[in-house]
Structure formats: structure tokens, C-alpha cells
N, C-alpha and C. Protein backbone atom coordinates (compact mmCIF):
# COMPACT_ATOMS: atom_id res chain seq x y z
N MET A 1 13.58 34.22 -83.09
CA MET A 1 14.22 35.35 -82.45
C MET A 1 13.56 35.97 -81.17
N VAL A 2 12.12 35.55 -80.99
CA VAL A 2 11.96 35.97 -79.81
C VAL A 2 12.48 35.18 -78.56
N SER A 3 12.60 34.00 -78.58
CA SER A 3 13.24 33.33 -77.69
C SER A 3 14.76 33.59 -77.43
N SER A 4 15.45 34.04 -78.26
CA SER A 4 16.86 34.63 -78.22
C SER A 4 16.83 35.99 -77.39
N LEU A 5 15.75 36.82 -77.67
CA LEU A 5 15.65 38.00 -76.86
C LEU A 5 15.10 37.78 -75.34
N SER A 6 14.36 36.79 -75.31
CA SER A 6 13.98 36.46 -73.72
C SER A 6 15.11 35.83 -73.07
N MET A 7 15.91 35.22 -73.91
CA MET A 7 17.13 34.60 -73.17
C MET A 7 18.07 35.61 -72.77
N ILE A 8 18.37 36.70 -73.56
CA ILE A 8 19.20 37.77 -73.23
C ILE A 8 18.67 38.50 -72.08
N LYS A 9 17.32 38.69 -72.04
CA LYS A 9 16.98 39.37 -70.75
C LYS A 9 16.94 38.52 -69.79
N PHE A 10 16.86 37.26 -69.73
CA PHE A 10 17.02 36.34 -68.56
C PHE A 10 18.53 36.41 -68.23
N ILE A 11 19.42 36.46 -68.94
CA ILE A 11 20.76 36.38 -68.72
C ILE A 11 21.31 37.86 -67.93
N PHE A 12 20.70 39.06 -68.56
CA PHE A 12 20.82 40.39 -67.93
C PHE A 12 20.28 40.39 -66.41
N TYR A 13 19.01 39.96 -66.48
CA TYR A 13 18.36 40.03 -64.99
C TYR A 13 19.16 39.12 -63.87
N LEU A 14 19.60 38.12 -64.45
CA LEU A 14 20.35 37.26 -63.50
C LEU A 14 21.81 37.63 -63.23
N SER A 15 22.41 38.30 -64.17
CA SER A 15 23.52 39.17 -63.89
C SER A 15 23.47 40.32 -62.83
N LEU A 16 22.28 41.17 -62.90
CA LEU A 16 22.00 42.04 -62.02
C LEU A 16 21.91 41.27 -60.60
N ILE A 17 21.09 40.24 -60.71
CA ILE A 17 20.94 39.63 -59.22
C ILE A 17 22.46 39.27 -58.81
N ILE A 18 23.25 38.60 -59.48
CA ILE A 18 24.62 38.29 -58.93
C ILE A 18 25.39 39.60 -58.70
N PHE A 19 25.59 40.45 -59.44
CA PHE A 19 26.16 41.59 -58.95
C PHE A 19 25.52 42.21 -57.80
N GLY A 20 24.47 42.50 -57.63
CA GLY A 20 23.74 42.73 -56.33
C GLY A 20 24.17 41.73 -55.41
N MET A 21 24.32 40.37 -55.33
CA MET A 21 24.77 39.67 -54.35
C MET A 21 26.21 39.97 -53.81
N PHE A 22 27.07 40.19 -54.89
CA PHE A 22 28.53 40.45 -54.72
C PHE A 22 28.60 41.77 -54.04
N ALA A 23 27.86 42.82 -54.39
CA ALA A 23 27.89 44.07 -53.54
C ALA A 23 27.39 43.85 -52.24
N MET A 24 26.45 43.10 -51.98
CA MET A 24 25.96 43.01 -50.35
C MET A 24 26.91 42.36 -49.78
N ARG A 25 27.67 41.33 -50.31
CA ARG A 25 28.61 40.57 -49.69
C ARG A 25 29.78 41.57 -49.16
N PHE A 26 30.23 42.26 -50.23
CA PHE A 26 31.39 43.33 -49.84
C PHE A 26 30.77 44.20 -48.76
N GLY A 27 29.68 44.65 -48.86
CA GLY A 27 29.25 45.34 -47.84
C GLY A 27 29.13 44.81 -46.46
N ILE A 28 28.71 43.51 -46.25
CA ILE A 28 28.88 42.71 -45.12
C ILE A 28 30.40 42.60 -44.85
N ILE A 29 31.22 42.46 -45.37
CA ILE A 29 32.64 42.14 -45.14
C ILE A 29 33.25 43.65 -44.52
N GLN A 30 32.89 44.87 -45.22
CA GLN A 30 33.07 46.03 -44.63
C GLN A 30 32.56 46.21 -43.21
N ILE A 31 31.24 45.92 -43.08
CA ILE A 31 30.68 46.18 -41.67
C ILE A 31 31.51 45.11 -40.72
N ARG A 32 31.78 44.00 -41.14
CA ARG A 32 32.46 43.20 -40.04
C ARG A 32 33.86 43.56 -39.71
N GLN A 33 34.75 44.37 -40.79
CA GLN A 33 35.76 44.79 -40.48
C GLN A 33 35.79 46.16 -39.57
N TYR A 34 34.73 46.62 -39.87
CA TYR A 34 34.35 47.94 -38.95
C TYR A 34 34.16 47.67 -37.58
N LYS A 35 33.33 46.62 -37.29
CA LYS A 35 33.12 46.21 -35.84
C LYS A 35 34.30 45.80 -35.19
N GLN A 36 35.37 44.99 -35.93
CA GLN A 36 36.75 44.45 -35.34
C GLN A 36 37.58 45.81 -35.23
N GLY A 37 37.30 47.09 -35.80
CA GLY A 37 38.15 48.03 -35.73
C GLY A 37 39.39 48.07 -36.91
N LYS A 38 39.11 47.34 -37.86
CA LYS A 38 40.07 47.53 -38.91
C LYS A 38 39.83 48.37 -39.86
N THR A 39 38.91 48.79 -39.95
CA THR A 39 38.20 49.92 -40.94
C THR A 39 38.07 51.19 -40.31
N LYS A 40 38.74 52.34 -40.81
CA LYS A 40 38.32 53.68 -40.04
C LYS A 40 37.18 54.53 -40.90
N VAL A 41 36.10 54.89 -40.51
CA VAL A 41 35.22 55.54 -41.16
C VAL A 41 35.35 56.96 -41.13
N LYS A 42 35.31 57.61 -42.14
CA LYS A 42 35.54 59.00 -42.22
C LYS A 42 34.18 59.48 -42.10
N LYS A 43 33.93 60.74 -41.45
CA LYS A 43 32.73 61.34 -40.97
C LYS A 43 32.19 62.20 -42.08
N LYS A 44 32.49 62.05 -43.19
CA LYS A 44 32.14 63.11 -44.32
C LYS A 44 30.63 62.77 -44.62
N LEU A 45 29.73 63.77 -44.75
CA LEU A 45 28.34 63.55 -44.97
C LEU A 45 28.20 63.22 -46.34
N LEU A 46 28.87 63.93 -47.42
CA LEU A 46 28.96 63.57 -48.56
C LEU A 46 28.99 62.10 -49.32
N GLU A 47 30.37 61.51 -48.50
CA GLU A 47 30.35 60.07 -48.63
C GLU A 47 29.37 59.28 -48.09
N GLN A 48 28.68 59.37 -46.91
CA GLN A 48 27.88 58.54 -46.52
C GLN A 48 26.75 58.73 -47.43
N ILE A 49 26.18 59.93 -48.02
CA ILE A 49 24.98 59.92 -48.93
C ILE A 49 25.29 59.52 -50.24
N ALA A 50 26.60 59.26 -50.33
CA ALA A 50 26.82 58.46 -51.93
C ALA A 50 26.74 56.97 -51.83
N PHE A 51 27.05 56.55 -50.57
CA PHE A 51 27.05 55.34 -50.11
C PHE A 51 25.56 54.75 -50.15
N GLY A 52 24.84 55.52 -49.38
CA GLY A 52 23.41 55.46 -49.44
C GLY A 52 22.66 55.16 -50.78
N ILE A 53 23.07 55.97 -51.56
CA ILE A 53 22.39 56.12 -52.89
C ILE A 53 22.82 54.81 -53.52
N PHE A 54 24.24 54.55 -53.49
CA PHE A 54 24.57 53.34 -54.08
C PHE A 54 24.00 52.16 -53.72
N PHE A 55 23.75 52.00 -52.49
CA PHE A 55 23.25 50.86 -51.81
C PHE A 55 21.60 50.77 -52.38
N ILE A 56 20.96 51.94 -52.22
CA ILE A 56 19.76 51.90 -52.86
C ILE A 56 19.49 51.48 -54.17
N ILE A 57 20.40 52.01 -55.25
CA ILE A 57 20.26 51.52 -56.43
C ILE A 57 20.62 50.10 -56.59
N ILE A 58 21.47 49.48 -55.87
CA ILE A 58 21.86 48.09 -55.94
C ILE A 58 20.64 47.18 -55.38
N LEU A 59 20.04 47.64 -54.43
CA LEU A 59 18.72 47.20 -53.98
C LEU A 59 17.66 47.10 -54.70
N GLY A 60 17.51 48.11 -55.49
CA GLY A 60 16.43 48.38 -56.31
C GLY A 60 16.60 47.45 -57.69
N LEU A 61 17.94 47.49 -58.12
CA LEU A 61 18.26 46.31 -58.95
C LEU A 61 17.75 45.04 -58.62
N ILE A 62 18.06 44.53 -57.64
CA ILE A 62 17.75 43.30 -57.27
C ILE A 62 16.29 43.04 -57.16
N ILE A 63 15.59 44.00 -56.47
CA ILE A 63 14.10 43.79 -56.39
C ILE A 63 13.56 43.97 -57.96
N TYR A 64 14.00 44.72 -58.84
CA TYR A 64 13.55 44.74 -60.31
C TYR A 64 13.56 43.60 -60.99
N SER A 65 14.94 42.94 -60.81
CA SER A 65 15.24 41.63 -61.61
C SER A 65 14.40 40.41 -60.99
N ILE A 66 14.09 40.43 -59.62
CA ILE A 66 13.43 39.16 -59.08
C ILE A 66 12.11 39.57 -59.60
N ASN A 67 11.36 40.77 -59.23
CA ASN A 67 10.03 40.88 -59.79
C ASN A 67 9.67 40.64 -61.28
N ASP A 68 10.76 40.91 -62.21
CA ASP A 68 10.56 40.67 -63.57
C ASP A 68 10.78 39.19 -63.95
N LEU A 69 11.67 38.54 -63.05
CA LEU A 69 11.72 37.13 -63.45
C LEU A 69 10.70 36.28 -62.89
N LEU A 70 10.20 36.61 -61.74
CA LEU A 70 8.83 35.93 -60.96
C LEU A 70 7.58 36.27 -61.91
N PHE A 71 7.31 37.50 -62.31
CA PHE A 71 5.94 37.73 -62.45
C PHE A 71 5.92 38.18 -64.07
N ASN A 72 6.72 37.91 -64.94
CA ASN A 72 6.50 38.16 -66.25
C ASN A 72 6.49 37.05 -67.03
């Protein structure tokens, strides 16, 4: 039973890492399109704050997952 619980935790942390990598890749594509002029950026402060919070959450999940996988 203990091994199945640790396997579930491993799969969960691995999925967080993969989700974070997809989110970062999406961000890189958006930045690349913005530089080419294909994406128009709205100057609303609330949207920029929401994006910043989302980015920090994704980054925190990635760090949390890697930290728990390596040092546990």
C-alpha cells in the first residue's frame, strides 16, 4: 500500500512538471508572436496582473515538484 501511494505521488509530481513545461512553451510561443507583431497586447493592468499571478503559480508548482522529487 505504501508503494502505491508513493507511485501516485510520483505520477502527480511528474504531471505537474509536464503541465508547467507546456505552459512555459505556450508562453514562449506567445512572446515570439508578439515580437513578430502577430499578437496585439491589451494595456489593461488587471489582465497583466492575472497573467503574472498565473505565471508565478506555474513556476511555484514546477519548483515544488522538482524539490519534492529530488530531496524526498
